Amino acid sequence: QVQVVESGGGLVQAGGSLRLSCAASGRTSSSYTMGWFRQAPGKEREFVATLTWSGDTYYSDSVRGRFTISRTNAKNTVYLQMNTLKPEDTAVYYCATRTRATYGFAAYYGDLDDYDYWGQGTQVTVSS
C-alpha cells in the first residue's frame, strides 16, 4: 500500500504562483512514476503532468510552459510548481502514483488508469 497526501493548495490571484507538494509513504520506491491531475467543478478529471522514475516529464497542452513537475532526491515527494496561474486553472488537484513498471516516455502515462494510488486532492482557486 502507498499513501499519497497533497498539500499547498489555496487562493491566488491570476498571474500568481503556487507550489503543490505530494508526499508518498508506505511501500514507496524510487522507481515509481508520479502524476498530477485536476478536476474542475462539473468536469472530468484531467491530466496535468507526469514524471517518470528516470526523470522524463510530460505536460498537458494547457499547462506546458507554466507548470513544472519535479521530485526530491529521495523521490518520495513530488512538486508541482504552478506559475502564471489563470482562473481556468481552478480545480481540485490530485497526485497519483504508478507502482506498476514504467516503460518508455512520460507521454505514455496520461490516463487515470495508468495510476494505482491517489491522494484526496487539494483545492486551487485562481481569482480574476
Foldseek 3Di string as FASTA:
>chain_A
DKAKAKDWADEEAAQAKTKMKIAIDDPDDLQKKKFKWWDDPPGDIFGAKIAGSVGAIDGDPVQPPFWDWDADPVNRMIMIIGGRDDQVVWTWMKMFIAPDGDDDHRVVQTDPVNTDDIHPTDTHGYHD
